[in-house]
C-alpha atoms as a PDB file:
ATOM      1  CA  MET A   1       4.133 -35.314  24.010  1.00  0.00           C
ATOM      2  CA  ASP A   2       6.452 -38.186  24.989  1.00  0.00           C
ATOM      3  CA  ALA A   3       4.214 -39.413  27.836  1.00  0.00           C
ATOM      4  CA  LEU A   4       1.425 -40.297  25.471  1.00  0.00           C
ATOM      5  CA  ARG A   5       3.700 -42.718  23.661  1.00  0.00           C
ATOM      6  CA  SER A   6       3.929 -44.842  26.828  1.00  0.00           C
ATOM      7  CA  LEU A   7       0.208 -45.559  26.789  1.00  0.00           C
ATOM      8  CA  PRO A   8      -1.088 -49.020  25.823  1.00  0.00           C
ATOM      9  CA  LEU A   9       0.261 -50.470  22.552  1.00  0.00           C
ATOM     10  CA  LEU A  10      -3.250 -50.521  21.130  1.00  0.00           C
ATOM     11  CA  LEU A  11      -2.998 -46.752  20.657  1.00  0.00           C
ATOM     12  CA  THR A  12      -0.434 -47.256  17.852  1.00  0.00           C
ATOM     13  CA  ALA A  13      -2.683 -49.590  15.869  1.00  0.00           C
ATOM     14  CA  ARG A  14      -5.593 -47.190  16.183  1.00  0.00           C
ATOM     15  CA  LEU A  15      -4.371 -44.820  13.514  1.00  0.00           C
ATOM     16  CA  LEU A  16      -3.832 -47.464  10.830  1.00  0.00           C
ATOM     17  CA  PRO A  17      -7.409 -47.084   9.527  1.00  0.00           C
ATOM     18  CA  VAL A  18      -6.825 -43.319   9.347  1.00  0.00           C
ATOM     19  CA  VAL A  19      -3.774 -43.691   7.110  1.00  0.00           C
ATOM     20  CA  ALA A  20      -5.528 -46.196   4.861  1.00  0.00           C
ATOM     21  CA  LEU A  21      -8.558 -43.993   4.480  1.00  0.00           C
ATOM     22  CA  ALA A  22      -6.513 -40.894   3.767  1.00  0.00           C
ATOM     23  CA  THR A  23      -4.500 -42.708   1.096  1.00  0.00           C
ATOM     24  CA  ALA A  24      -7.210 -44.569  -0.738  1.00  0.00           C
ATOM     25  CA  GLY A  25     -10.100 -42.188  -0.132  1.00  0.00           C
ATOM     26  CA  TRP A  26     -12.309 -44.991   1.072  1.00  0.00           C
ATOM     27  CA  ALA A  27     -15.672 -44.184   2.734  1.00  0.00           C
ATOM     28  CA  TRP A  28     -16.666 -46.662   5.457  1.00  0.00           C
ATOM     29  CA  THR A  29     -18.469 -46.804   8.736  1.00  0.00           C
ATOM     30  CA  SER A  30     -17.543 -48.839  10.620  1.00  0.00           C
ATOM     31  CA  GLY A  31     -20.759 -46.969  54.748  1.00  0.00           C
ATOM     32  CA  PRO A  32     -25.492 -49.615  75.437  1.00  0.00           C
ATOM     33  CA  TYR A  33     -23.269 -48.368  77.426  1.00  0.00           C
ATOM     34  CA  ALA A  34     -25.008 -48.614  80.821  1.00  0.00           C
ATOM     35  CA  PRO A  35     -25.392 -45.252  82.597  1.00  0.00           C
ATOM     36  CA  ASP A  36     -22.446 -44.580  84.921  1.00  0.00           C
ATOM     37  CA  ASP A  37     -24.706 -43.812  87.908  1.00  0.00           C
ATOM     38  CA  ILE A  38     -26.292 -47.292  87.947  1.00  0.00           C
ATOM     39  CA  GLU A  39     -24.365 -50.017  89.706  1.00  0.00           C
ATOM     40  CA  PRO A  40     -24.680 -53.540  88.324  1.00  0.00           C
ATOM     41  CA  ALA A  41     -26.450 -56.136  90.476  1.00  0.00           C
ATOM     42  CA  ALA A  42     -24.180 -58.507  92.343  1.00  0.00           C
ATOM     43  CA  ALA A  43     -23.708 -61.619  90.298  1.00  0.00           C
ATOM     44  CA  PRO A  44     -23.540 -65.078  91.877  1.00  0.00           C
ATOM     45  CA  GLN A  45     -20.038 -66.441  92.214  1.00  0.00           C
ATOM     46  CA  SER A  46     -19.009 -69.083  89.754  1.00  0.00           C
ATOM     47  CA  ASN A  47     -15.895 -70.837  88.571  1.00  0.00           C
ATOM     48  CA  ALA A  48     -15.933 -68.847  85.363  1.00  0.00           C
ATOM     49  CA  SER A  49     -13.069 -66.507  84.698  1.00  0.00           C
ATOM     50  CA  PRO A  50     -13.876 -62.916  85.633  1.00  0.00           C
ATOM     51  CA  ARG A  51     -14.738 -60.576  82.820  1.00  0.00           C
ATOM     52  CA  PRO A  52     -12.375 -57.662  82.276  1.00  0.00           C
ATOM     53  CA  GLU A  53     -13.501 -54.440  83.847  1.00  0.00           C
ATOM     54  CA  SER A  54     -15.053 -51.896  81.596  1.00  0.00           C
ATOM     55  CA  GLY A  55     -12.860 -48.908  81.106  1.00  0.00           C
ATOM     56  CA  SER A  56      -9.710 -51.020  81.274  1.00  0.00           C
ATOM     57  CA  GLY A  57      -8.611 -49.340  78.039  1.00  0.00           C
ATOM     58  CA  LYS A  58      -8.097 -52.626  76.207  1.00  0.00           C
ATOM     59  CA  ALA A  59      -9.867 -52.843  72.883  1.00  0.00           C
ATOM     60  CA  PRO A  60     -11.016 -56.210  71.589  1.00  0.00           C
ATOM     61  CA  GLU A  61      -8.728 -57.782  69.045  1.00  0.00           C
ATOM     62  CA  SER A  62      -9.740 -57.298  65.444  1.00  0.00           C
ATOM     63  CA  ASP A  63     -10.796 -60.260  63.347  1.00  0.00           C
ATOM     64  CA  LYS A  64      -9.399 -58.601  60.242  1.00  0.00           C
ATOM     65  CA  SER A  65      -6.144 -59.897  58.899  1.00  0.00           C
ATOM     66  CA  PRO A  66      -3.369 -57.460  57.965  1.00  0.00           C
ATOM     67  CA  GLY A  67      -4.008 -55.713  54.665  1.00  0.00           C
ATOM     68  CA  ALA A  68      -7.711 -56.623  54.583  1.00  0.00           C
ATOM     69  CA  GLU A  69      -8.663 -53.014  53.814  1.00  0.00           C
ATOM     70  CA  LYS A  70      -6.445 -53.061  50.732  1.00  0.00           C
ATOM     71  CA  ALA A  71      -8.138 -55.991  49.019  1.00  0.00           C
ATOM     72  CA  PRO A  72      -8.809 -55.400  45.304  1.00  0.00           C
ATOM     73  CA  SER A  73     -12.090 -53.721  44.466  1.00  0.00           C
ATOM     74  CA  TYR A  74     -12.544 -55.512  41.149  1.00  0.00           C
ATOM     75  CA  GLU A  75     -11.999 -59.168  40.329  1.00  0.00           C
ATOM     76  CA  LYS A  76     -12.101 -58.762  36.565  1.00  0.00           C
ATOM     77  CA  PRO A  77     -12.833 -56.058  33.991  1.00  0.00           C
ATOM     78  CA  PRO A  78     -16.428 -55.428  32.879  1.00  0.00           C
ATOM     79  CA  GLU A  79     -17.640 -55.647  29.288  1.00  0.00           C
ATOM     80  CA  PRO A  80     -15.970 -52.682  27.576  1.00  0.00           C
ATOM     81  CA  CYS A  81     -18.396 -52.496  24.673  1.00  0.00           C
ATOM     82  CA  LYS A  82     -21.158 -51.606  27.165  1.00  0.00           C
ATOM     83  CA  ALA A  83     -19.137 -48.797  28.747  1.00  0.00           C
ATOM     84  CA  VAL A  84     -20.626 -46.043  26.580  1.00  0.00           C
ATOM     85  CA  ALA A  85     -24.339 -45.763  25.829  1.00  0.00           C
ATOM     86  CA  ALA A  86     -25.401 -46.217  22.218  1.00  0.00           C
ATOM     87  CA  SER A  87     -26.782 -42.670  22.132  1.00  0.00           C
ATOM     88  CA  SER A  88     -23.389 -41.301  23.148  1.00  0.00           C
ATOM     89  CA  VAL A  89     -21.568 -43.473  20.620  1.00  0.00           C
ATOM     90  CA  LYS A  90     -23.751 -42.030  17.851  1.00  0.00           C
ATOM     91  CA  LYS A  91     -22.699 -38.504  18.835  1.00  0.00           C
ATOM     92  CA  LEU A  92     -19.028 -39.236  19.400  1.00  0.00           C
ATOM     93  CA  VAL A  93     -18.502 -41.590  16.455  1.00  0.00           C
ATOM     94  CA  PRO A  94     -21.069 -40.893  13.717  1.00  0.00           C
ATOM     95  CA  ASN A  95     -21.913 -43.878  11.512  1.00  0.00           C
ATOM     96  CA  ALA A  96     -20.134 -46.301  13.841  1.00  0.00           C
ATOM     97  CA  LYS A  97     -21.732 -49.582  14.836  1.00  0.00           C
ATOM     98  CA  THR A  98     -22.946 -48.812  18.365  1.00  0.00           C
ATOM     99  CA  ALA A  99     -22.232 -52.377  19.524  1.00  0.00           C
ATOM    100  CA  GLY A 100     -18.522 -51.707  19.104  1.00  0.00           C
ATOM    101  CA  LYS A 101     -15.860 -54.312  18.499  1.00  0.00           C
ATOM    102  CA  GLU A 102     -13.989 -55.969  21.349  1.00  0.00           C
ATOM    103  CA  ILE A 103     -10.291 -56.452  20.740  1.00  0.00           C
ATOM    104  CA  GLU A 104      -9.070 -59.996  21.271  1.00  0.00           C
ATOM    105  CA  LEU A 105      -6.454 -60.073  24.020  1.00  0.00           C
ATOM    106  CA  THR A 106      -4.469 -62.895  25.578  1.00  0.00           C
ATOM    107  CA  ASP A 107      -5.866 -62.440  29.107  1.00  0.00           C
ATOM    108  CA  PRO A 108      -9.439 -61.068  29.089  1.00  0.00           C
ATOM    109  CA  ASP A 109      -9.729 -61.753  32.829  1.00  0.00           C
ATOM    110  CA  ARG A 110      -7.158 -59.000  33.344  1.00  0.00           C
ATOM    111  CA  ARG A 111      -7.729 -56.613  30.471  1.00  0.00           C
ATOM    112  CA  ARG A 112     -10.486 -55.906  27.950  1.00  0.00           C
ATOM    113  CA  THR A 113     -10.781 -53.266  25.237  1.00  0.00           C
ATOM    114  CA  CYS A 114     -13.543 -52.180  22.873  1.00  0.00           C
ATOM    115  CA  SER A 115     -13.287 -49.805  19.924  1.00  0.00           C
ATOM    116  CA  TRP A 116     -15.660 -47.850  17.699  1.00  0.00           C
ATOM    117  CA  SER A 117     -14.767 -46.159  14.402  1.00  0.00           C
ATOM    118  CA  GLY A 118     -16.827 -44.340  11.838  1.00  0.00           C
ATOM    119  CA  LEU A 119     -16.670 -42.043   8.826  1.00  0.00           C
ATOM    120  CA  LYS A 120     -19.384 -39.485   8.060  1.00  0.00           C
ATOM    121  CA  GLU A 121     -18.655 -38.064   4.644  1.00  0.00           C
ATOM    122  CA  TYR A 122     -15.004 -37.066   5.163  1.00  0.00           C
ATOM    123  CA  ASP A 123     -15.116 -36.727   8.965  1.00  0.00           C
ATOM    124  CA  TYR A 124     -13.446 -39.648  10.754  1.00  0.00           C
ATOM    125  CA  ARG A 125     -13.658 -40.573  14.442  1.00  0.00           C
ATOM    126  CA  TRP A 126     -12.169 -43.329  16.585  1.00  0.00           C
ATOM    127  CA  LEU A 127     -12.963 -44.211  20.222  1.00  0.00           C
ATOM    128  CA  ASP A 128     -11.663 -47.007  22.404  1.00  0.00           C
ATOM    129  CA  VAL A 129     -12.209 -47.935  26.047  1.00  0.00           C
ATOM    130  CA  SER A 130      -9.838 -50.210  27.926  1.00  0.00           C
ATOM    131  CA  TYR A 131     -10.135 -51.742  31.393  1.00  0.00           C
ATOM    132  CA  GLU A 132      -7.202 -53.327  33.205  1.00  0.00           C
ATOM    133  CA  VAL A 133      -7.414 -55.034  36.616  1.00  0.00           C
ATOM    134  CA  PHE A 134      -4.400 -55.475  38.899  1.00  0.00           C
ATOM    135  CA  ASP A 135      -3.710 -57.641  41.955  1.00  0.00           C
ATOM    136  CA  SER A 136      -3.877 -54.670  44.315  1.00  0.00           C
ATOM    137  CA  PRO A 137      -4.623 -50.942  44.398  1.00  0.00           C
ATOM    138  CA  GLU A 138      -0.903 -50.340  44.879  1.00  0.00           C
ATOM    139  CA  SER A 139      -0.083 -52.094  41.619  1.00  0.00           C
ATOM    140  CA  ALA A 140      -2.755 -50.112  39.809  1.00  0.00           C
ATOM    141  CA  GLU A 141      -1.424 -46.891  41.311  1.00  0.00           C
ATOM    142  CA  ALA A 142       2.075 -47.705  40.078  1.00  0.00           C
ATOM    143  CA  ALA A 143       0.748 -48.406  36.587  1.00  0.00           C
ATOM    144  CA  TYR A 144      -1.225 -45.167  36.632  1.00  0.00           C
ATOM    145  CA  ALA A 145       1.903 -43.226  37.580  1.00  0.00           C
ATOM    146  CA  LYS A 146       3.660 -44.607  34.482  1.00  0.00           C
ATOM    147  CA  HIS A 147       0.816 -43.703  32.117  1.00  0.00           C
ATOM    148  CA  ASP A 148      -0.240 -40.396  33.671  1.00  0.00           C
ATOM    149  CA  PRO A 149       1.087 -37.709  31.307  1.00  0.00           C
ATOM    150  CA  ASP A 150       3.256 -35.086  33.012  1.00  0.00           C
ATOM    151  CA  GLU A 151       1.565 -32.283  31.098  1.00  0.00           C
ATOM    152  CA  GLY A 152      -1.922 -33.712  31.424  1.00  0.00           C
ATOM    153  CA  LYS A 153      -4.907 -31.974  32.920  1.00  0.00           C
ATOM    154  CA  ALA A 154      -6.205 -33.436  36.176  1.00  0.00           C
ATOM    155  CA  LEU A 155      -9.871 -34.421  36.066  1.00  0.00           C
ATOM    156  CA  LYS A 156     -11.902 -34.055  39.246  1.00  0.00           C
ATOM    157  CA  ASP A 157     -14.450 -36.546  40.562  1.00  0.00           C
ATOM    158  CA  LEU A 158     -13.291 -39.318  38.271  1.00  0.00           C
ATOM    159  CA  GLY A 159     -12.177 -42.359  40.266  1.00  0.00           C
ATOM    160  CA  ASP A 160      -9.247 -42.042  42.680  1.00  0.00           C
ATOM    161  CA  ALA A 161      -7.157 -40.126  40.149  1.00  0.00           C
ATOM    162  CA  ALA A 162      -7.505 -39.136  36.511  1.00  0.00           C
ATOM    163  CA  ALA A 163      -5.736 -37.035  33.909  1.00  0.00           C
ATOM    164  CA  LEU A 164      -6.352 -36.020  30.312  1.00  0.00           C
ATOM    165  CA  ALA A 165      -3.813 -35.155  27.642  1.00  0.00           C
ATOM    166  CA  SER A 166      -4.262 -34.217  23.990  1.00  0.00           C
ATOM    167  CA  GLU A 167      -1.975 -34.001  20.984  1.00  0.00           C
ATOM    168  CA  LEU A 168      -2.160 -32.698  17.436  1.00  0.00           C
ATOM    169  CA  THR A 169      -0.091 -34.549  14.847  1.00  0.00           C
ATOM    170  CA  THR A 170       0.427 -34.020  11.128  1.00  0.00           C
ATOM    171  CA  LYS A 171       1.429 -36.710   8.648  1.00  0.00           C
ATOM    172  CA  ASP A 172       1.485 -36.177   4.880  1.00  0.00           C
ATOM    173  CA  LYS A 173      -0.282 -32.834   5.464  1.00  0.00           C
ATOM    174  CA  GLN A 174      -3.143 -34.635   7.220  1.00  0.00           C
ATOM    175  CA  GLN A 175      -3.853 -33.433  10.770  1.00  0.00           C
ATOM    176  CA  THR A 176      -5.142 -35.770  13.461  1.00  0.00           C
ATOM    177  CA  ARG A 177      -6.063 -34.751  16.989  1.00  0.00           C
ATOM    178  CA  GLU A 178      -6.125 -37.285  19.822  1.00  0.00           C
ATOM    179  CA  ALA A 179      -7.066 -37.129  23.513  1.00  0.00           C
ATOM    180  CA  VAL A 180      -6.281 -39.784  26.095  1.00  0.00           C
ATOM    181  CA  VAL A 181      -7.789 -40.108  29.571  1.00  0.00           C
ATOM    182  CA  VAL A 182      -6.140 -42.403  32.129  1.00  0.00           C
ATOM    183  CA  ALA A 183      -8.092 -42.946  35.356  1.00  0.00           C
ATOM    184  CA  ARG A 184      -7.676 -45.223  38.377  1.00  0.00           C
ATOM    185  CA  SER A 185     -10.260 -46.663  40.732  1.00  0.00           C
ATOM    186  CA  GLY A 186      -9.050 -49.087  43.392  1.00  0.00           C
ATOM    187  CA  ASN A 187      -7.141 -51.841  41.637  1.00  0.00           C
ATOM    188  CA  ALA A 188      -8.342 -50.968  38.142  1.00  0.00           C
ATOM    189  CA  LEU A 189      -7.275 -48.619  35.376  1.00  0.00           C
ATOM    190  CA  VAL A 190      -9.542 -47.117  32.737  1.00  0.00           C
ATOM    191  CA  THR A 191      -7.972 -45.762  29.550  1.00  0.00           C
ATOM    192  CA  VAL A 192     -10.057 -43.913  26.980  1.00  0.00           C
ATOM    193  CA  THR A 193      -8.725 -42.702  23.624  1.00  0.00           C
ATOM    194  CA  TYR A 194     -10.631 -40.473  21.227  1.00  0.00           C
ATOM    195  CA  ASN A 195      -9.321 -39.040  17.972  1.00  0.00           C
ATOM    196  CA  GLY A 196     -10.461 -37.636  14.673  1.00  0.00           C
ATOM    197  CA  CYS A 197      -9.592 -35.934  11.391  1.00  0.00           C
ATOM    198  CA  ASP A 198     -11.223 -34.537   8.260  1.00  0.00           C
ATOM    199  CA  PHE A 199     -10.078 -35.992   4.933  1.00  0.00           C
ATOM    200  CA  ASP A 200     -11.544 -33.155   2.895  1.00  0.00           C
ATOM    201  CA  SER A 201     -10.056 -30.138   4.660  1.00  0.00           C
ATOM    202  CA  ARG A 202      -7.164 -32.259   5.981  1.00  0.00           C
ATOM    203  CA  LYS A 203      -7.675 -30.427   9.264  1.00  0.00           C
ATOM    204  CA  ALA A 204      -8.262 -31.916  12.721  1.00  0.00           C
ATOM    205  CA  PRO A 205     -11.331 -31.308  14.876  1.00  0.00           C
ATOM    206  CA  SER A 206     -11.028 -28.578  17.526  1.00  0.00           C
ATOM    207  CA  GLU A 207      -9.275 -29.401  20.773  1.00  0.00           C
ATOM    208  CA  ASP A 208     -12.481 -28.850  22.749  1.00  0.00           C
ATOM    209  CA  THR A 209     -14.376 -31.303  20.537  1.00  0.00           C
ATOM    210  CA  ILE A 210     -11.866 -34.070  21.101  1.00  0.00           C
ATOM    211  CA  THR A 211     -11.014 -33.447  24.773  1.00  0.00           C
ATOM    212  CA  SER A 212     -14.639 -33.025  25.861  1.00  0.00           C
ATOM    213  CA  GLY A 213     -15.582 -36.170  23.948  1.00  0.00           C
ATOM    214  CA  ALA A 214     -12.800 -38.173  25.591  1.00  0.00           C
ATOM    215  CA  GLU A 215     -13.788 -36.950  29.059  1.00  0.00           C
ATOM    216  CA  LYS A 216     -17.457 -37.763  28.479  1.00  0.00           C
ATOM    217  CA  ALA A 217     -16.590 -41.302  27.410  1.00  0.00           C
ATOM    218  CA  ALA A 218     -14.196 -41.717  30.366  1.00  0.00           C
ATOM    219  CA  ARG A 219     -16.862 -40.723  32.891  1.00  0.00           C
ATOM    220  CA  ALA A 220     -19.290 -43.180  31.345  1.00  0.00           C
ATOM    221  CA  ALA A 221     -16.628 -45.904  31.413  1.00  0.00           C
ATOM    222  CA  MET A 222     -15.822 -45.253  35.077  1.00  0.00           C
ATOM    223  CA  LYS A 223     -19.528 -45.399  35.984  1.00  0.00           C
ATOM    224  CA  HIS A 224     -19.771 -48.724  34.176  1.00  0.00           C
ATOM    225  CA  LEU A 225     -16.755 -50.039  36.122  1.00  0.00           C
ATOM    226  CA  ALA A 226     -18.217 -48.918  39.475  1.00  0.00           C
ATOM    227  CA  ALA A 227     -21.471 -50.705  38.700  1.00  0.00           C
ATOM    228  CA  HIS A 228     -19.547 -53.985  38.418  1.00  0.00           C
ATOM    229  CA  GLY A 229     -17.351 -53.585  41.507  1.00  0.00           C
END
């Protein structure tokens, strides 16, 4: 689907190891109001200004400046390589190094990405988790609207909004299936990509295998983000 192609540029580079492996056949792992019936005692007169009567209907002025409620929730992205527990990495990406590999980016205070890849016999898997922090929730919402696939499946109870989309592609008779989850929480976006293929059968894993794996990783990544808010 066309919407998936608008996702972060890192998604394009992800499949390069797949092509190389398929071509060369390499095996690697990588939250007192006084009662009304009691009259107050008469107070001695003074030069002080009288207090406003209760019940005047005038609320005290707020100390909050305009837009205070819309302040960003996150100052910077958390460590992406700690987004998914090692036990989950072992299941999602067999033979991968559970520590993952963080991708070097020009502005790590705004965006950070970690990837895991592994090959078990002929079965290949790739997973990456990306965090991106914006100046405001509105900016993050606008970015989410651009990445949210039109044909994606909405995911409940995952940040402020989340959607999942999957795609099956075939190149040189080799199938690859990929699922992408884009989720927003406050002023941050979480993008999770999970794909796989089999170099022996040249078939892709089932849709349920890939989509459920992507969703599991996305929920772990969102929990990790919330813990650092």
